[in-house]
Amino acid sequence: MQIRILELLKEIKNIVEGKSKNRWITLRKVCDYTSLSESTIRRAVQKGNLKASCKTGKILFNIKNVDRWLNG
């Protein structure tokens, strides 16, 4: 029980600090985060290597998918 409480507190702390793995970021932020160009990111999306969402009219990336893509 105590371990689960500590895990939840750590998750809350990460969300408050902006380190949540469930964040959605823009193409520009992905470029800043990865130090890669927009064309490289767009190519990865086009090839299906990097998942992105276009539901809002903007290309958005889940930070955990970006991390997964970077780590191979």
PDB file of N, CA and C in Angstrom:
ATOM      1  N   MET A   1       0.830  -1.195   0.000  1.00  0.00           N
ATOM      2  CA  MET A   1       0.000   0.000   0.000  1.00  0.00           C
ATOM      3  C   MET A   1       0.871   1.254   0.000  1.00  0.00           C
ATOM      4  N   GLN A   2       1.895   1.264   0.860  1.00  0.00           N
ATOM      5  CA  GLN A   2       2.766   2.430   0.948  1.00  0.00           C
ATOM      6  C   GLN A   2       3.531   2.648  -0.356  1.00  0.00           C
ATOM      7  N   ILE A   3       3.933   1.572  -1.012  1.00  0.00           N
ATOM      8  CA  ILE A   3       4.665   1.689  -2.272  1.00  0.00           C
ATOM      9  C   ILE A   3       3.781   2.340  -3.330  1.00  0.00           C
ATOM     10  N   ARG A   4       2.518   1.928  -3.389  1.00  0.00           N
ATOM     11  CA  ARG A   4       1.586   2.500  -4.365  1.00  0.00           C
ATOM     12  C   ARG A   4       1.369   3.991  -4.105  1.00  0.00           C
ATOM     13  N   ILE A   5       1.285   4.373  -2.860  1.00  0.00           N
ATOM     14  CA  ILE A   5       1.118   5.786  -2.505  1.00  0.00           C
ATOM     15  C   ILE A   5       2.340   6.581  -2.939  1.00  0.00           C
ATOM     16  N   LEU A   6       3.525   6.026  -2.716  1.00  0.00           N
ATOM     17  CA  LEU A   6       4.748   6.708  -3.128  1.00  0.00           C
ATOM     18  C   LEU A   6       4.829   6.838  -4.652  1.00  0.00           C
ATOM     19  N   GLU A   7       4.400   5.806  -5.376  1.00  0.00           N
ATOM     20  CA  GLU A   7       4.381   5.869  -6.842  1.00  0.00           C
ATOM     21  C   GLU A   7       3.436   6.964  -7.325  1.00  0.00           C
ATOM     22  N   LEU A   8       2.258   7.043  -6.721  1.00  0.00           N
ATOM     23  CA  LEU A   8       1.289   8.068  -7.097  1.00  0.00           C
ATOM     24  C   LEU A   8       1.810   9.476  -6.787  1.00  0.00           C
ATOM     25  N   LEU A   9       2.453   9.631  -5.644  1.00  0.00           N
ATOM     26  CA  LEU A   9       3.025  10.931  -5.300  1.00  0.00           C
ATOM     27  C   LEU A   9       4.120  11.335  -6.284  1.00  0.00           C
ATOM     28  N   LYS A  10       4.942  10.383  -6.701  1.00  0.00           N
ATOM     29  CA  LYS A  10       5.990  10.668  -7.682  1.00  0.00           C
ATOM     30  C   LYS A  10       5.376  11.067  -9.017  1.00  0.00           C
ATOM     31  N   GLU A  11       4.307  10.372  -9.415  1.00  0.00           N
ATOM     32  CA  GLU A  11       3.613  10.710 -10.663  1.00  0.00           C
ATOM     33  C   GLU A  11       3.019  12.111 -10.599  1.00  0.00           C
ATOM     34  N   ILE A  12       2.417  12.459  -9.487  1.00  0.00           N
ATOM     35  CA  ILE A  12       1.847  13.804  -9.302  1.00  0.00           C
ATOM     36  C   ILE A  12       2.953  14.849  -9.356  1.00  0.00           C
ATOM     37  N   LYS A  13       4.076  14.571  -8.724  1.00  0.00           N
ATOM     38  CA  LYS A  13       5.205  15.496  -8.734  1.00  0.00           C
ATOM     39  C   LYS A  13       5.697  15.716 -10.165  1.00  0.00           C
ATOM     40  N   ASN A  14       5.816  14.652 -10.944  1.00  0.00           N
ATOM     41  CA  ASN A  14       6.267  14.768 -12.332  1.00  0.00           C
ATOM     42  C   ASN A  14       5.292  15.585 -13.168  1.00  0.00           C
ATOM     43  N   ILE A  15       4.004  15.407 -12.949  1.00  0.00           N
ATOM     44  CA  ILE A  15       3.001  16.178 -13.689  1.00  0.00           C
ATOM     45  C   ILE A  15       3.119  17.654 -13.343  1.00  0.00           C
ATOM     46  N   VAL A  16       3.257  17.952 -12.067  1.00  0.00           N
ATOM     47  CA  VAL A  16       3.376  19.336 -11.624  1.00  0.00           C
ATOM     48  C   VAL A  16       4.640  19.969 -12.201  1.00  0.00           C
ATOM     49  N   GLU A  17       5.714  19.209 -12.290  1.00  0.00           N
ATOM     50  CA  GLU A  17       6.976  19.722 -12.821  1.00  0.00           C
ATOM     51  C   GLU A  17       7.014  19.704 -14.345  1.00  0.00           C
ATOM     52  N   GLY A  18       5.970  19.205 -14.973  1.00  0.00           N
ATOM     53  CA  GLY A  18       5.913  19.182 -16.425  1.00  0.00           C
ATOM     54  C   GLY A  18       6.674  18.046 -17.059  1.00  0.00           C
ATOM     55  N   LYS A  19       6.935  16.992 -16.308  1.00  0.00           N
ATOM     56  CA  LYS A  19       7.703  15.867 -16.824  1.00  0.00           C
ATOM     57  C   LYS A  19       6.815  14.669 -17.142  1.00  0.00           C
ATOM     58  N   SER A  20       5.549  14.887 -17.256  1.00  0.00           N
ATOM     59  CA  SER A  20       4.628  13.799 -17.532  1.00  0.00           C
ATOM     60  C   SER A  20       4.928  13.190 -18.884  1.00  0.00           C
ATOM     61  N   LYS A  21       4.902  11.866 -18.978  1.00  0.00           N
ATOM     62  CA  LYS A  21       5.157  11.165 -20.234  1.00  0.00           C
ATOM     63  C   LYS A  21       3.918  11.163 -21.118  1.00  0.00           C
ATOM     64  N   ASN A  22       2.826  11.749 -20.656  1.00  0.00           N
ATOM     65  CA  ASN A  22       1.604  11.779 -21.444  1.00  0.00           C
ATOM     66  C   ASN A  22       1.345  13.188 -21.993  1.00  0.00           C
ATOM     67  N   ARG A  23       2.403  13.975 -22.135  1.00  0.00           N
ATOM     68  CA  ARG A  23       2.276  15.330 -22.675  1.00  0.00           C
ATOM     69  C   ARG A  23       2.219  15.281 -24.189  1.00  0.00           C
ATOM     70  N   TRP A  24       1.534  16.238 -24.768  1.00  0.00           N
ATOM     71  CA  TRP A  24       1.493  16.409 -26.218  1.00  0.00           C
ATOM     72  C   TRP A  24       2.222  17.691 -26.551  1.00  0.00           C
ATOM     73  N   ILE A  25       3.153  17.625 -27.513  1.00  0.00           N
ATOM     74  CA  ILE A  25       3.944  18.791 -27.875  1.00  0.00           C
ATOM     75  C   ILE A  25       3.895  19.011 -29.386  1.00  0.00           C
ATOM     76  N   THR A  26       4.179  20.236 -29.781  1.00  0.00           N
ATOM     77  CA  THR A  26       4.111  20.621 -31.196  1.00  0.00           C
ATOM     78  C   THR A  26       5.382  20.176 -31.931  1.00  0.00           C
ATOM     79  N   LEU A  27       5.323  20.316 -33.241  1.00  0.00           N
ATOM     80  CA  LEU A  27       6.466  19.968 -34.090  1.00  0.00           C
ATOM     81  C   LEU A  27       7.695  20.778 -33.700  1.00  0.00           C
ATOM     82  N   ARG A  28       7.512  22.077 -33.466  1.00  0.00           N
ATOM     83  CA  ARG A  28       8.633  22.941 -33.089  1.00  0.00           C
ATOM     84  C   ARG A  28       9.261  22.473 -31.779  1.00  0.00           C
ATOM     85  N   LYS A  29       8.432  22.087 -30.808  1.00  0.00           N
ATOM     86  CA  LYS A  29       8.946  21.625 -29.521  1.00  0.00           C
ATOM     87  C   LYS A  29       9.690  20.303 -29.679  1.00  0.00           C
ATOM     88  N   VAL A  30       9.205  19.433 -30.585  1.00  0.00           N
ATOM     89  CA  VAL A  30       9.908  18.171 -30.854  1.00  0.00           C
ATOM     90  C   VAL A  30      11.284  18.470 -31.437  1.00  0.00           C
ATOM     91  N   CYS A  31      11.347  19.442 -32.326  1.00  0.00           N
ATOM     92  CA  CYS A  31      12.634  19.834 -32.910  1.00  0.00           C
ATOM     93  C   CYS A  31      13.591  20.333 -31.830  1.00  0.00           C
ATOM     94  N   ASP A  32      13.086  21.149 -30.922  1.00  0.00           N
ATOM     95  CA  ASP A  32      13.915  21.647 -29.820  1.00  0.00           C
ATOM     96  C   ASP A  32      14.328  20.509 -28.893  1.00  0.00           C
ATOM     97  N   TYR A  33      13.393  19.616 -28.605  1.00  0.00           N
ATOM     98  CA  TYR A  33      13.623  18.496 -27.679  1.00  0.00           C
ATOM     99  C   TYR A  33      14.656  17.519 -28.229  1.00  0.00           C
ATOM    100  N   THR A  34      14.618  17.279 -29.555  1.00  0.00           N
ATOM    101  CA  THR A  34      15.487  16.274 -30.164  1.00  0.00           C
ATOM    102  C   THR A  34      16.713  16.861 -30.852  1.00  0.00           C
ATOM    103  N   SER A  35      16.731  18.160 -31.058  1.00  0.00           N
ATOM    104  CA  SER A  35      17.786  18.841 -31.819  1.00  0.00           C
ATOM    105  C   SER A  35      17.836  18.355 -33.264  1.00  0.00           C
ATOM    106  N   LEU A  36      16.692  17.976 -33.808  1.00  0.00           N
ATOM    107  CA  LEU A  36      16.576  17.549 -35.197  1.00  0.00           C
ATOM    108  C   LEU A  36      15.749  18.565 -35.968  1.00  0.00           C
ATOM    109  N   SER A  37      15.887  18.551 -37.291  1.00  0.00           N
ATOM    110  CA  SER A  37      15.153  19.507 -38.120  1.00  0.00           C
ATOM    111  C   SER A  37      13.701  19.075 -38.312  1.00  0.00           C
ATOM    112  N   GLU A  38      12.866  20.035 -38.725  1.00  0.00           N
ATOM    113  CA  GLU A  38      11.461  19.735 -38.998  1.00  0.00           C
ATOM    114  C   GLU A  38      11.333  18.692 -40.097  1.00  0.00           C
ATOM    115  N   SER A  39      12.175  18.795 -41.123  1.00  0.00           N
ATOM    116  CA  SER A  39      12.074  17.843 -42.226  1.00  0.00           C
ATOM    117  C   SER A  39      12.405  16.417 -41.775  1.00  0.00           C
ATOM    118  N   THR A  40      13.336  16.264 -40.862  1.00  0.00           N
ATOM    119  CA  THR A  40      13.670  14.937 -40.336  1.00  0.00           C
ATOM    120  C   THR A  40      12.493  14.365 -39.555  1.00  0.00           C
ATOM    121  N   ILE A  41      11.858  15.206 -38.746  1.00  0.00           N
ATOM    122  CA  ILE A  41      10.704  14.762 -37.963  1.00  0.00           C
ATOM    123  C   ILE A  41       9.551  14.405 -38.903  1.00  0.00           C
ATOM    124  N   ARG A  42       9.274  15.255 -39.871  1.00  0.00           N
ATOM    125  CA  ARG A  42       8.186  14.983 -40.820  1.00  0.00           C
ATOM    126  C   ARG A  42       8.440  13.707 -41.614  1.00  0.00           C
ATOM    127  N   ARG A  43       9.695  13.462 -41.984  1.00  0.00           N
ATOM    128  CA  ARG A  43      10.043  12.248 -42.717  1.00  0.00           C
ATOM    129  C   ARG A  43       9.789  11.010 -41.861  1.00  0.00           C
ATOM    130  N   ALA A  44      10.135  11.088 -40.583  1.00  0.00           N
ATOM    131  CA  ALA A  44       9.902   9.963 -39.671  1.00  0.00           C
ATOM    132  C   ALA A  44       8.408   9.682 -39.525  1.00  0.00           C
ATOM    133  N   VAL A  45       7.598  10.741 -39.495  1.00  0.00           N
ATOM    134  CA  VAL A  45       6.140  10.568 -39.409  1.00  0.00           C
ATOM    135  C   VAL A  45       5.623   9.943 -40.695  1.00  0.00           C
ATOM    136  N   GLN A  46       6.094  10.440 -41.831  1.00  0.00           N
ATOM    137  CA  GLN A  46       5.635   9.947 -43.125  1.00  0.00           C
ATOM    138  C   GLN A  46       5.983   8.468 -43.313  1.00  0.00           C
ATOM    139  N   LYS A  47       7.151   8.055 -42.845  1.00  0.00           N
ATOM    140  CA  LYS A  47       7.576   6.657 -42.963  1.00  0.00           C
ATOM    141  C   LYS A  47       6.881   5.755 -41.939  1.00  0.00           C
ATOM    142  N   GLY A  48       6.222   6.363 -40.955  1.00  0.00           N
ATOM    143  CA  GLY A  48       5.532   5.593 -39.930  1.00  0.00           C
ATOM    144  C   GLY A  48       6.419   5.220 -38.755  1.00  0.00           C
ATOM    145  N   ASN A  49       7.605   5.801 -38.687  1.00  0.00           N
ATOM    146  CA  ASN A  49       8.518   5.512 -37.587  1.00  0.00           C
ATOM    147  C   ASN A  49       8.170   6.276 -36.314  1.00  0.00           C
ATOM    148  N   LEU A  50       7.527   7.413 -36.478  1.00  0.00           N
ATOM    149  CA  LEU A  50       7.158   8.271 -35.352  1.00  0.00           C
ATOM    150  C   LEU A  50       5.668   8.569 -35.438  1.00  0.00           C
ATOM    151  N   LYS A  51       4.960   8.252 -34.366  1.00  0.00           N
ATOM    152  CA  LYS A  51       3.516   8.485 -34.345  1.00  0.00           C
ATOM    153  C   LYS A  51       3.212   9.952 -34.044  1.00  0.00           C
ATOM    154  N   ALA A  52       2.202  10.469 -34.744  1.00  0.00           N
ATOM    155  CA  ALA A  52       1.766  11.847 -34.525  1.00  0.00           C
ATOM    156  C   ALA A  52       0.251  11.902 -34.659  1.00  0.00           C
ATOM    157  N   SER A  53      -0.332  12.940 -34.080  1.00  0.00           N
ATOM    158  CA  SER A  53      -1.773  13.159 -34.168  1.00  0.00           C
ATOM    159  C   SER A  53      -2.037  14.451 -34.919  1.00  0.00           C
ATOM    160  N   CYS A  54      -2.984  14.393 -35.828  1.00  0.00           N
ATOM    161  CA  CYS A  54      -3.358  15.599 -36.601  1.00  0.00           C
ATOM    162  C   CYS A  54      -4.828  15.943 -36.373  1.00  0.00           C
ATOM    163  N   LYS A  55      -5.430  15.411 -35.341  1.00  0.00           N
ATOM    164  CA  LYS A  55      -6.862  15.588 -35.090  1.00  0.00           C
ATOM    165  C   LYS A  55      -7.258  17.036 -34.849  1.00  0.00           C
ATOM    166  N   THR A  56      -6.355  17.835 -34.307  1.00  0.00           N
ATOM    167  CA  THR A  56      -6.692  19.221 -33.976  1.00  0.00           C
ATOM    168  C   THR A  56      -6.355  20.184 -35.101  1.00  0.00           C
ATOM    169  N   GLY A  57      -5.827  19.670 -36.198  1.00  0.00           N
ATOM    170  CA  GLY A  57      -5.399  20.530 -37.292  1.00  0.00           C
ATOM    171  C   GLY A  57      -3.929  20.874 -37.211  1.00  0.00           C
ATOM    172  N   LYS A  58      -3.295  20.521 -36.093  1.00  0.00           N
ATOM    173  CA  LYS A  58      -1.856  20.703 -35.917  1.00  0.00           C
ATOM    174  C   LYS A  58      -1.248  19.323 -35.719  1.00  0.00           C
ATOM    175  N   ILE A  59       0.007  19.201 -36.083  1.00  0.00           N
ATOM    176  CA  ILE A  59       0.709  17.946 -35.817  1.00  0.00           C
ATOM    177  C   ILE A  59       1.174  17.984 -34.370  1.00  0.00           C
ATOM    178  N   LEU A  60       0.700  17.033 -33.586  1.00  0.00           N
ATOM    179  CA  LEU A  60       1.086  16.945 -32.187  1.00  0.00           C
ATOM    180  C   LEU A  60       1.717  15.586 -31.917  1.00  0.00           C
ATOM    181  N   PHE A  61       2.669  15.579 -31.011  1.00  0.00           N
ATOM    182  CA  PHE A  61       3.408  14.373 -30.682  1.00  0.00           C
ATOM    183  C   PHE A  61       3.311  14.095 -29.195  1.00  0.00           C
ATOM    184  N   ASN A  62       3.103  12.831 -28.853  1.00  0.00           N
ATOM    185  CA  ASN A  62       3.135  12.424 -27.464  1.00  0.00           C
ATOM    186  C   ASN A  62       4.603  12.248 -27.093  1.00  0.00           C
ATOM    187  N   ILE A  63       5.021  12.843 -26.011  1.00  0.00           N
ATOM    188  CA  ILE A  63       6.429  12.844 -25.631  1.00  0.00           C
ATOM    189  C   ILE A  63       6.959  11.421 -25.445  1.00  0.00           C
ATOM    190  N   LYS A  64       6.119  10.500 -24.971  1.00  0.00           N
ATOM    191  CA  LYS A  64       6.606   9.122 -24.787  1.00  0.00           C
ATOM    192  C   LYS A  64       6.870   8.451 -26.132  1.00  0.00           C
ATOM    193  N   ASN A  65       6.105   8.801 -27.171  1.00  0.00           N
ATOM    194  CA  ASN A  65       6.382   8.258 -28.505  1.00  0.00           C
ATOM    195  C   ASN A  65       7.673   8.819 -29.079  1.00  0.00           C
ATOM    196  N   VAL A  66       7.939  10.090 -28.798  1.00  0.00           N
ATOM    197  CA  VAL A  66       9.192  10.706 -29.252  1.00  0.00           C
ATOM    198  C   VAL A  66      10.381  10.023 -28.568  1.00  0.00           C
ATOM    199  N   ASP A  67      10.264   9.810 -27.263  1.00  0.00           N
ATOM    200  CA  ASP A  67      11.338   9.133 -26.531  1.00  0.00           C
ATOM    201  C   ASP A  67      11.555   7.715 -27.056  1.00  0.00           C
ATOM    202  N   ARG A  68      10.465   7.012 -27.312  1.00  0.00           N
ATOM    203  CA  ARG A  68      10.547   5.642 -27.839  1.00  0.00           C
ATOM    204  C   ARG A  68      11.238   5.636 -29.205  1.00  0.00           C
ATOM    205  N   TRP A  69      10.891   6.599 -30.053  1.00  0.00           N
ATOM    206  CA  TRP A  69      11.490   6.706 -31.381  1.00  0.00           C
ATOM    207  C   TRP A  69      12.989   7.009 -31.284  1.00  0.00           C
ATOM    208  N   LEU A  70      13.354   7.909 -30.390  1.00  0.00           N
ATOM    209  CA  LEU A  70      14.763   8.265 -30.221  1.00  0.00           C
ATOM    210  C   LEU A  70      15.599   7.103 -29.693  1.00  0.00           C
ATOM    211  N   ASN A  71      15.013   6.317 -28.821  1.00  0.00           N
ATOM    212  CA  ASN A  71      15.747   5.199 -28.206  1.00  0.00           C
ATOM    213  C   ASN A  71      15.730   3.937 -29.059  1.00  0.00           C
ATOM    214  N   GLY A  72      15.007   3.999 -30.167  1.00  0.00           N
ATOM    215  CA  GLY A  72      14.974   2.867 -31.097  1.00  0.00           C
ATOM    216  C   GLY A  72      14.089   1.812 -30.616  1.00  0.00           C
TER     217      GLY A  72
END
